[in-house]
């Protein structure tokens, strides 16, 4: 299942926030990403229409099975790539920034090869 980079970032952010917040709301996402609430609202509408999230009447955002699958994939790529780059001697801030870009464009085949090589 393929979604665009922006949607992947939103889904990954929802996943990460759900690990530290009792509930995730649009305002939490806007704060985390430093985006306007209106931009987040538009993105949440698209994610909801594509069945990647469910929004409760109270405004609590939950990943659906497909949304969680995408978020887990991107989060795994991000954490593995950033830690690998750091071990190679890349400054931690640069490693996180580069991993954030790479995680969206690397093929599943290349990522699996890197994963096998690292582990």
N, C-alpha and C. Protein backbone atom coordinates (compact mmCIF):
# COMPACT_ATOMS: atom_id res chain seq x y z
N UNK A 1 0.84 -1.17 0.00
CA UNK A 1 0.00 0.00 0.00
C UNK A 1 0.89 1.24 0.00
N UNK A 2 0.68 2.11 -0.97
CA UNK A 2 1.52 3.30 -1.09
C UNK A 2 0.71 4.56 -0.79
N UNK A 3 1.27 5.41 0.03
CA UNK A 3 0.70 6.73 0.29
C UNK A 3 1.82 7.74 0.10
N UNK A 4 1.46 9.02 -0.01
CA UNK A 4 2.50 10.01 -0.24
C UNK A 4 3.30 10.29 1.03
N UNK A 5 4.43 10.97 0.86
CA UNK A 5 5.34 11.23 1.96
C UNK A 5 4.68 12.01 3.09
N UNK A 6 3.85 12.96 2.75
CA UNK A 6 3.16 13.76 3.76
C UNK A 6 2.26 12.88 4.63
N UNK A 7 1.49 12.01 3.99
CA UNK A 7 0.62 11.11 4.73
C UNK A 7 1.44 10.18 5.62
N UNK A 8 2.56 9.68 5.10
CA UNK A 8 3.43 8.83 5.89
C UNK A 8 3.93 9.55 7.14
N UNK A 9 4.31 10.82 6.96
CA UNK A 9 4.79 11.60 8.11
C UNK A 9 3.70 11.80 9.15
N UNK A 10 2.49 12.09 8.71
CA UNK A 10 1.39 12.25 9.65
C UNK A 10 1.10 10.95 10.40
N UNK A 11 1.07 9.84 9.68
CA UNK A 11 0.79 8.56 10.31
C UNK A 11 1.89 8.19 11.31
N UNK A 12 3.13 8.44 10.94
CA UNK A 12 4.26 8.17 11.84
C UNK A 12 4.16 9.05 13.09
N UNK A 13 3.78 10.30 12.90
CA UNK A 13 3.64 11.22 14.04
C UNK A 13 2.52 10.77 14.97
N UNK A 14 1.41 10.33 14.41
CA UNK A 14 0.30 9.81 15.23
C UNK A 14 0.79 8.62 16.05
N UNK A 15 1.53 7.72 15.40
CA UNK A 15 2.06 6.54 16.11
C UNK A 15 2.98 6.97 17.25
N UNK A 16 3.91 7.87 16.98
CA UNK A 16 4.86 8.31 18.00
C UNK A 16 4.13 9.02 19.15
N UNK A 17 3.16 9.88 18.83
CA UNK A 17 2.42 10.58 19.88
C UNK A 17 1.60 9.60 20.72
N UNK A 18 1.08 8.56 20.09
CA UNK A 18 0.26 7.60 20.83
C UNK A 18 1.08 6.83 21.86
N UNK A 19 2.39 6.83 21.71
CA UNK A 19 3.27 6.16 22.67
C UNK A 19 3.49 7.02 23.92
N UNK A 20 3.27 8.34 23.80
CA UNK A 20 3.56 9.23 24.92
C UNK A 20 2.34 10.01 25.41
N UNK A 21 1.25 9.99 24.66
CA UNK A 21 0.04 10.73 25.04
C UNK A 21 -1.10 9.74 25.29
N UNK A 22 -1.95 10.04 26.25
CA UNK A 22 -3.10 9.15 26.49
C UNK A 22 -4.06 9.13 25.29
N UNK A 23 -4.20 10.27 24.62
CA UNK A 23 -5.00 10.38 23.39
C UNK A 23 -4.26 11.31 22.44
N UNK A 24 -4.51 11.15 21.15
CA UNK A 24 -3.89 12.01 20.15
C UNK A 24 -4.98 12.84 19.50
N UNK A 25 -4.75 14.16 19.45
CA UNK A 25 -5.69 15.08 18.83
C UNK A 25 -4.96 15.86 17.74
N UNK A 26 -5.71 16.51 16.87
CA UNK A 26 -5.11 17.31 15.80
C UNK A 26 -4.16 18.37 16.36
N UNK A 27 -4.54 18.98 17.47
CA UNK A 27 -3.69 20.02 18.05
C UNK A 27 -2.34 19.45 18.49
N UNK A 28 -2.32 18.19 18.95
CA UNK A 28 -1.06 17.56 19.34
C UNK A 28 -0.16 17.37 18.12
N UNK A 29 -0.77 16.97 17.02
CA UNK A 29 -0.01 16.76 15.78
C UNK A 29 0.53 18.10 15.28
N UNK A 30 -0.31 19.12 15.29
CA UNK A 30 0.11 20.46 14.85
C UNK A 30 1.28 20.96 15.69
N UNK A 31 1.18 20.76 16.99
CA UNK A 31 2.26 21.19 17.88
C UNK A 31 3.55 20.42 17.60
N UNK A 32 3.42 19.11 17.47
CA UNK A 32 4.60 18.26 17.24
C UNK A 32 5.32 18.62 15.94
N UNK A 33 4.55 18.86 14.89
CA UNK A 33 5.13 19.13 13.57
C UNK A 33 5.34 20.62 13.30
N UNK A 34 4.85 21.46 14.23
CA UNK A 34 4.93 22.90 14.05
C UNK A 34 4.18 23.34 12.78
N UNK A 35 2.99 22.76 12.59
CA UNK A 35 2.12 23.09 11.47
C UNK A 35 0.90 23.83 11.98
N UNK A 36 0.21 24.52 11.08
CA UNK A 36 -1.05 25.18 11.44
C UNK A 36 -2.12 24.11 11.65
N UNK A 37 -3.01 24.37 12.59
CA UNK A 37 -4.09 23.41 12.87
C UNK A 37 -4.95 23.18 11.64
N UNK A 38 -5.13 24.22 10.82
CA UNK A 38 -5.95 24.06 9.61
C UNK A 38 -5.31 23.08 8.63
N UNK A 39 -4.00 23.12 8.50
CA UNK A 39 -3.30 22.18 7.61
C UNK A 39 -3.45 20.75 8.11
N UNK A 40 -3.34 20.58 9.42
CA UNK A 40 -3.49 19.25 10.01
C UNK A 40 -4.91 18.75 9.81
N UNK A 41 -5.89 19.63 9.96
CA UNK A 41 -7.29 19.23 9.78
C UNK A 41 -7.54 18.70 8.37
N UNK A 42 -7.00 19.38 7.37
CA UNK A 42 -7.15 18.94 5.98
C UNK A 42 -6.51 17.56 5.80
N UNK A 43 -5.32 17.39 6.35
CA UNK A 43 -4.62 16.10 6.23
C UNK A 43 -5.38 14.99 6.95
N UNK A 44 -5.94 15.29 8.11
CA UNK A 44 -6.68 14.27 8.86
C UNK A 44 -7.93 13.86 8.09
N UNK A 45 -8.55 14.81 7.41
CA UNK A 45 -9.73 14.49 6.60
C UNK A 45 -9.35 13.49 5.51
N UNK A 46 -8.21 13.73 4.84
CA UNK A 46 -7.77 12.83 3.78
C UNK A 46 -7.42 11.45 4.33
N UNK A 47 -6.74 11.43 5.47
CA UNK A 47 -6.38 10.15 6.08
C UNK A 47 -7.63 9.39 6.50
N UNK A 48 -8.62 10.10 7.00
CA UNK A 48 -9.88 9.47 7.40
C UNK A 48 -10.61 8.93 6.17
N UNK A 49 -10.66 9.71 5.10
CA UNK A 49 -11.32 9.27 3.86
C UNK A 49 -10.64 8.04 3.26
N UNK A 50 -9.33 7.92 3.47
CA UNK A 50 -8.58 6.76 2.96
C UNK A 50 -8.52 5.62 3.97
N UNK A 51 -9.31 5.76 5.04
CA UNK A 51 -9.42 4.71 6.06
C UNK A 51 -8.10 4.38 6.75
N UNK A 52 -7.25 5.39 6.95
CA UNK A 52 -6.00 5.20 7.67
C UNK A 52 -6.12 5.61 9.14
N UNK A 53 -7.15 6.43 9.43
CA UNK A 53 -7.40 6.84 10.81
C UNK A 53 -8.89 6.84 11.08
N UNK A 54 -9.22 6.83 12.37
CA UNK A 54 -10.59 7.01 12.83
C UNK A 54 -10.53 8.18 13.81
N UNK A 55 -11.51 9.08 13.71
CA UNK A 55 -11.58 10.22 14.62
C UNK A 55 -12.87 10.08 15.42
N UNK A 56 -12.72 10.05 16.74
CA UNK A 56 -13.88 9.89 17.62
C UNK A 56 -14.65 11.21 17.68
N UNK A 57 -15.89 11.19 18.19
CA UNK A 57 -16.66 12.43 18.34
C UNK A 57 -15.93 13.47 19.21
N UNK A 58 -15.06 12.99 20.11
CA UNK A 58 -14.28 13.90 20.97
C UNK A 58 -13.04 14.45 20.26
N UNK A 59 -12.77 13.97 19.05
CA UNK A 59 -11.61 14.44 18.30
C UNK A 59 -10.35 13.62 18.54
N UNK A 60 -10.48 12.44 19.14
CA UNK A 60 -9.33 11.58 19.38
C UNK A 60 -9.03 10.78 18.12
N UNK A 61 -7.79 10.78 17.73
CA UNK A 61 -7.36 10.14 16.48
C UNK A 61 -6.71 8.80 16.78
N UNK A 62 -7.18 7.77 16.09
CA UNK A 62 -6.64 6.42 16.24
C UNK A 62 -6.29 5.88 14.86
N UNK A 63 -5.16 5.20 14.77
CA UNK A 63 -4.77 4.55 13.52
C UNK A 63 -5.63 3.32 13.27
N UNK A 64 -6.04 3.14 12.02
CA UNK A 64 -6.70 1.90 11.63
C UNK A 64 -5.61 0.86 11.38
N UNK A 65 -6.01 -0.34 11.04
CA UNK A 65 -5.02 -1.38 10.75
C UNK A 65 -4.08 -0.95 9.61
N UNK A 66 -4.64 -0.39 8.53
CA UNK A 66 -3.79 0.04 7.41
C UNK A 66 -2.91 1.22 7.80
N UNK A 67 -3.46 2.14 8.59
CA UNK A 67 -2.67 3.29 9.04
C UNK A 67 -1.53 2.87 9.94
N UNK A 68 -1.80 1.91 10.82
CA UNK A 68 -0.76 1.43 11.73
C UNK A 68 0.32 0.67 10.96
N UNK A 69 -0.09 -0.07 9.96
CA UNK A 69 0.88 -0.82 9.15
C UNK A 69 1.86 0.15 8.47
N UNK A 70 1.33 1.22 7.89
CA UNK A 70 2.18 2.22 7.23
C UNK A 70 3.06 2.92 8.26
N UNK A 71 2.47 3.35 9.36
CA UNK A 71 3.22 4.06 10.40
C UNK A 71 4.33 3.19 10.98
N UNK A 72 4.04 1.92 11.24
CA UNK A 72 5.06 1.00 11.76
C UNK A 72 6.21 0.84 10.77
N UNK A 73 5.89 0.73 9.49
CA UNK A 73 6.92 0.57 8.46
C UNK A 73 7.84 1.79 8.43
N UNK A 74 7.25 2.97 8.42
CA UNK A 74 8.03 4.20 8.34
C UNK A 74 8.84 4.40 9.62
N UNK A 75 8.24 4.12 10.78
CA UNK A 75 8.93 4.28 12.06
C UNK A 75 10.12 3.32 12.15
N UNK A 76 9.93 2.08 11.71
CA UNK A 76 11.05 1.13 11.72
C UNK A 76 12.18 1.63 10.84
N UNK A 77 11.84 2.10 9.66
CA UNK A 77 12.87 2.63 8.76
C UNK A 77 13.60 3.80 9.42
N UNK A 78 12.83 4.70 10.01
CA UNK A 78 13.42 5.90 10.62
C UNK A 78 14.38 5.53 11.75
N UNK A 79 13.94 4.67 12.65
CA UNK A 79 14.78 4.34 13.80
C UNK A 79 16.03 3.56 13.38
N UNK A 80 15.86 2.60 12.48
CA UNK A 80 17.01 1.81 12.05
C UNK A 80 18.01 2.66 11.27
N UNK A 81 17.52 3.46 10.33
CA UNK A 81 18.42 4.26 9.50
C UNK A 81 19.13 5.33 10.32
N UNK A 82 18.42 5.99 11.21
CA UNK A 82 19.07 7.05 12.00
C UNK A 82 20.12 6.46 12.94
N UNK A 83 19.83 5.32 13.57
CA UNK A 83 20.83 4.72 14.47
C UNK A 83 22.03 4.20 13.67
N UNK A 84 21.77 3.66 12.49
CA UNK A 84 22.86 3.17 11.64
C UNK A 84 23.77 4.32 11.22
N UNK A 85 23.17 5.43 10.80
CA UNK A 85 23.97 6.59 10.40
C UNK A 85 24.79 7.12 11.57
N UNK A 86 24.21 7.14 12.75
CA UNK A 86 24.95 7.58 13.93
C UNK A 86 26.14 6.67 14.19
N UNK A 87 25.94 5.36 14.07
CA UNK A 87 27.04 4.41 14.29
C UNK A 87 28.14 4.59 13.25
N UNK A 88 27.77 5.10 12.09
CA UNK A 88 28.77 5.37 11.05
C UNK A 88 29.52 6.67 11.32
N UNK A 89 29.12 7.40 12.36
CA UNK A 89 29.81 8.63 12.72
C UNK A 89 29.10 9.91 12.33
N UNK A 90 27.88 9.80 11.81
CA UNK A 90 27.12 10.98 11.41
C UNK A 90 26.58 11.65 12.68
N UNK A 91 26.65 12.97 12.72
CA UNK A 91 26.10 13.73 13.83
C UNK A 91 24.65 13.31 14.06
N UNK A 92 24.23 13.10 15.31
CA UNK A 92 22.86 12.62 15.58
C UNK A 92 21.76 13.47 14.94
N UNK A 93 21.90 14.78 14.97
CA UNK A 93 20.86 15.64 14.37
C UNK A 93 20.79 15.43 12.86
N UNK A 94 21.94 15.34 12.22
CA UNK A 94 22.00 15.11 10.78
C UNK A 94 21.46 13.71 10.45
N UNK A 95 21.81 12.73 11.28
CA UNK A 95 21.35 11.36 11.06
C UNK A 95 19.82 11.28 11.08
N UNK A 96 19.19 11.97 12.03
CA UNK A 96 17.73 11.97 12.12
C UNK A 96 17.12 12.65 10.90
N UNK A 97 17.69 13.79 10.49
CA UNK A 97 17.17 14.52 9.33
C UNK A 97 17.31 13.69 8.05
N UNK A 98 18.48 13.07 7.87
CA UNK A 98 18.70 12.25 6.67
C UNK A 98 17.80 11.02 6.67
N UNK A 99 17.67 10.37 7.83
CA UNK A 99 16.81 9.19 7.92
C UNK A 99 15.37 9.56 7.57
N UNK A 100 14.95 10.75 7.98
CA UNK A 100 13.58 11.20 7.69
C UNK A 100 13.35 11.33 6.18
N UNK A 101 14.37 11.73 5.46
CA UNK A 101 14.23 11.83 4.00
C UNK A 101 14.33 10.46 3.33
N UNK A 102 15.30 9.66 3.77
CA UNK A 102 15.55 8.35 3.17
C UNK A 102 14.37 7.41 3.38
N UNK A 103 13.75 7.45 4.56
CA UNK A 103 12.71 6.48 4.92
C UNK A 103 11.55 6.46 3.94
N UNK A 104 11.34 7.54 3.22
CA UNK A 104 10.21 7.64 2.30
C UNK A 104 10.52 7.17 0.89
N UNK A 105 11.80 7.14 0.53
CA UNK A 105 12.14 6.83 -0.86
C UNK A 105 12.85 5.49 -1.05
N UNK A 106 13.36 4.93 0.02
CA UNK A 106 14.09 3.66 -0.11
C UNK A 106 13.12 2.53 -0.44
N UNK A 107 13.54 1.65 -1.32
CA UNK A 107 12.68 0.52 -1.69
C UNK A 107 12.67 -0.50 -0.55
N UNK A 108 11.64 -1.32 -0.53
CA UNK A 108 11.54 -2.38 0.48
C UNK A 108 12.73 -3.33 0.35
N UNK A 109 13.14 -3.61 -0.87
CA UNK A 109 14.26 -4.52 -1.10
C UNK A 109 15.57 -3.96 -0.52
N UNK A 110 15.84 -2.68 -0.80
CA UNK A 110 17.07 -2.07 -0.28
C UNK A 110 17.04 -1.97 1.23
N UNK A 111 15.88 -1.62 1.79
CA UNK A 111 15.79 -1.50 3.24
C UNK A 111 16.02 -2.86 3.90
N UNK A 112 15.43 -3.91 3.35
CA UNK A 112 15.62 -5.25 3.92
C UNK A 112 17.08 -5.67 3.83
N UNK A 113 17.77 -5.31 2.74
CA UNK A 113 19.19 -5.64 2.61
C UNK A 113 20.02 -4.90 3.66
N UNK A 114 19.72 -3.63 3.89
CA UNK A 114 20.42 -2.87 4.93
C UNK A 114 20.15 -3.49 6.30
N UNK A 115 18.89 -3.84 6.54
CA UNK A 115 18.51 -4.44 7.82
C UNK A 115 19.29 -5.74 8.05
N UNK A 116 19.36 -6.58 7.03
CA UNK A 116 20.11 -7.85 7.16
C UNK A 116 21.60 -7.57 7.45
N UNK A 117 22.15 -6.58 6.77
CA UNK A 117 23.56 -6.24 6.90
C UNK A 117 23.86 -5.71 8.31
N UNK A 118 22.98 -4.88 8.84
CA UNK A 118 23.19 -4.27 10.16
C UNK A 118 23.06 -5.31 11.26
N UNK A 119 22.07 -6.16 11.14
CA UNK A 119 21.80 -7.14 12.20
C UNK A 119 22.61 -8.36 11.95
